[in-house]
Amino acid sequence: MFLPNLRNEKGAVYPVAIVFFLSALMLLSHTLTVYAIQYKTYDGLENMHRHATIQLLKDIEQNKIPE
């Protein structure tokens, strides 16, 4: 056998633990990446909407258009 430690219970726990922790790490990094992309998207849309509102208010003020 290539790894004699895997023959008993204590030796078999290590590879399972490593796979579990690597899976958890990959899931966490994926979740954080998706959240960061979503945050940047919503932040950009909010900034664009704010600038459009400010521009619209400036246009209304310059043209003296009643609301």
C-alpha atoms as a PDB file:
ATOM      1  CA  MET A   1       0.000   0.000   0.000  1.00  0.00           C
ATOM      2  CA  PHE A   2       1.340   3.466  -0.836  1.00  0.00           C
ATOM      3  CA  LEU A   3       0.306   5.091   2.463  1.00  0.00           C
ATOM      4  CA  PRO A   4       0.409   2.763   5.466  1.00  0.00           C
ATOM      5  CA  ASN A   5      -1.238   5.400   7.687  1.00  0.00           C
ATOM      6  CA  LEU A   6      -4.498   5.043   5.783  1.00  0.00           C
ATOM      7  CA  ARG A   7      -4.931   1.499   7.017  1.00  0.00           C
ATOM      8  CA  ASN A   8      -6.177   2.608  10.438  1.00  0.00           C
ATOM      9  CA  GLU A   9      -8.913   5.087  11.355  1.00  0.00           C
ATOM     10  CA  LYS A  10      -6.638   7.843  12.621  1.00  0.00           C
ATOM     11  CA  GLY A  11      -4.642   7.961   9.406  1.00  0.00           C
ATOM     12  CA  ALA A  12      -7.751   8.099   7.225  1.00  0.00           C
ATOM     13  CA  VAL A  13      -9.026  11.244   8.941  1.00  0.00           C
ATOM     14  CA  TYR A  14      -6.259  13.513   7.615  1.00  0.00           C
ATOM     15  CA  PRO A  15      -7.039  13.250   3.876  1.00  0.00           C
ATOM     16  CA  VAL A  16     -10.752  13.663   4.590  1.00  0.00           C
ATOM     17  CA  ALA A  17     -10.052  16.739   6.738  1.00  0.00           C
ATOM     18  CA  ILE A  18      -7.802  18.238   4.061  1.00  0.00           C
ATOM     19  CA  VAL A  19     -10.454  17.724   1.367  1.00  0.00           C
ATOM     20  CA  PHE A  20     -13.115  19.222   3.650  1.00  0.00           C
ATOM     21  CA  PHE A  21     -11.078  22.323   4.496  1.00  0.00           C
ATOM     22  CA  LEU A  22     -10.022  22.886   0.885  1.00  0.00           C
ATOM     23  CA  SER A  23     -13.653  22.588  -0.204  1.00  0.00           C
ATOM     24  CA  ALA A  24     -14.728  25.047   2.474  1.00  0.00           C
ATOM     25  CA  LEU A  25     -11.954  27.450   1.463  1.00  0.00           C
ATOM     26  CA  MET A  26     -12.953  27.280  -2.206  1.00  0.00           C
ATOM     27  CA  LEU A  27     -16.628  27.842  -1.338  1.00  0.00           C
ATOM     28  CA  LEU A  28     -15.760  30.820   0.865  1.00  0.00           C
ATOM     29  CA  SER A  29     -13.522  32.424  -1.756  1.00  0.00           C
ATOM     30  CA  HIS A  30     -16.174  31.891  -4.444  1.00  0.00           C
ATOM     31  CA  THR A  31     -18.853  33.467  -2.232  1.00  0.00           C
ATOM     32  CA  LEU A  32     -16.656  36.471  -1.461  1.00  0.00           C
ATOM     33  CA  THR A  33     -15.819  36.954  -5.137  1.00  0.00           C
ATOM     34  CA  VAL A  34     -19.484  36.850  -6.164  1.00  0.00           C
ATOM     35  CA  TYR A  35     -20.383  39.289  -3.377  1.00  0.00           C
ATOM     36  CA  ALA A  36     -17.617  41.700  -4.427  1.00  0.00           C
ATOM     37  CA  ILE A  37     -18.784  41.651  -8.051  1.00  0.00           C
ATOM     38  CA  GLN A  38     -22.395  42.224  -6.995  1.00  0.00           C
ATOM     39  CA  TYR A  39     -21.373  45.070  -4.671  1.00  0.00           C
ATOM     40  CA  LYS A  40     -19.376  46.812  -7.407  1.00  0.00           C
ATOM     41  CA  THR A  41     -22.280  46.475  -9.834  1.00  0.00           C
ATOM     42  CA  TYR A  42     -24.866  47.938  -7.464  1.00  0.00           C
ATOM     43  CA  ASP A  43     -22.492  50.678  -6.353  1.00  0.00           C
ATOM     44  CA  GLY A  44     -21.857  51.688  -9.957  1.00  0.00           C
ATOM     45  CA  LEU A  45     -25.576  51.745 -10.735  1.00  0.00           C
ATOM     46  CA  GLU A  46     -26.275  53.831  -7.647  1.00  0.00           C
ATOM     47  CA  ASN A  47     -23.562  56.346  -8.580  1.00  0.00           C
ATOM     48  CA  MET A  48     -24.896  56.592 -12.130  1.00  0.00           C
ATOM     49  CA  HIS A  49     -28.433  57.174 -10.843  1.00  0.00           C
ATOM     50  CA  ARG A  50     -27.224  59.826  -8.384  1.00  0.00           C
ATOM     51  CA  HIS A  51     -25.315  61.687 -11.088  1.00  0.00           C
ATOM     52  CA  ALA A  52     -28.300  61.529 -13.439  1.00  0.00           C
ATOM     53  CA  THR A  53     -30.550  62.946 -10.711  1.00  0.00           C
ATOM     54  CA  ILE A  54     -28.123  65.781 -10.001  1.00  0.00           C
ATOM     55  CA  GLN A  55     -27.865  66.553 -13.713  1.00  0.00           C
ATOM     56  CA  LEU A  56     -31.652  66.543 -14.066  1.00  0.00           C
ATOM     57  CA  LEU A  57     -32.011  68.934 -11.112  1.00  0.00           C
ATOM     58  CA  LYS A  58     -29.410  71.264 -12.659  1.00  0.00           C
ATOM     59  CA  ASP A  59     -31.287  71.221 -15.979  1.00  0.00           C
ATOM     60  CA  ILE A  60     -34.560  72.004 -14.236  1.00  0.00           C
ATOM     61  CA  GLU A  61     -32.940  74.858 -12.329  1.00  0.00           C
ATOM     62  CA  GLN A  62     -31.372  76.364 -15.458  1.00  0.00           C
ATOM     63  CA  ASN A  63     -34.549  76.159 -17.532  1.00  0.00           C
ATOM     64  CA  LYS A  64     -36.790  77.199 -14.650  1.00  0.00           C
ATOM     65  CA  ILE A  65     -39.206  74.416 -15.518  1.00  0.00           C
ATOM     66  CA  PRO A  66     -41.926  73.974 -12.878  1.00  0.00           C
ATOM     67  CA  GLU A  67     -42.156  70.494 -11.450  1.00  0.00           C
END
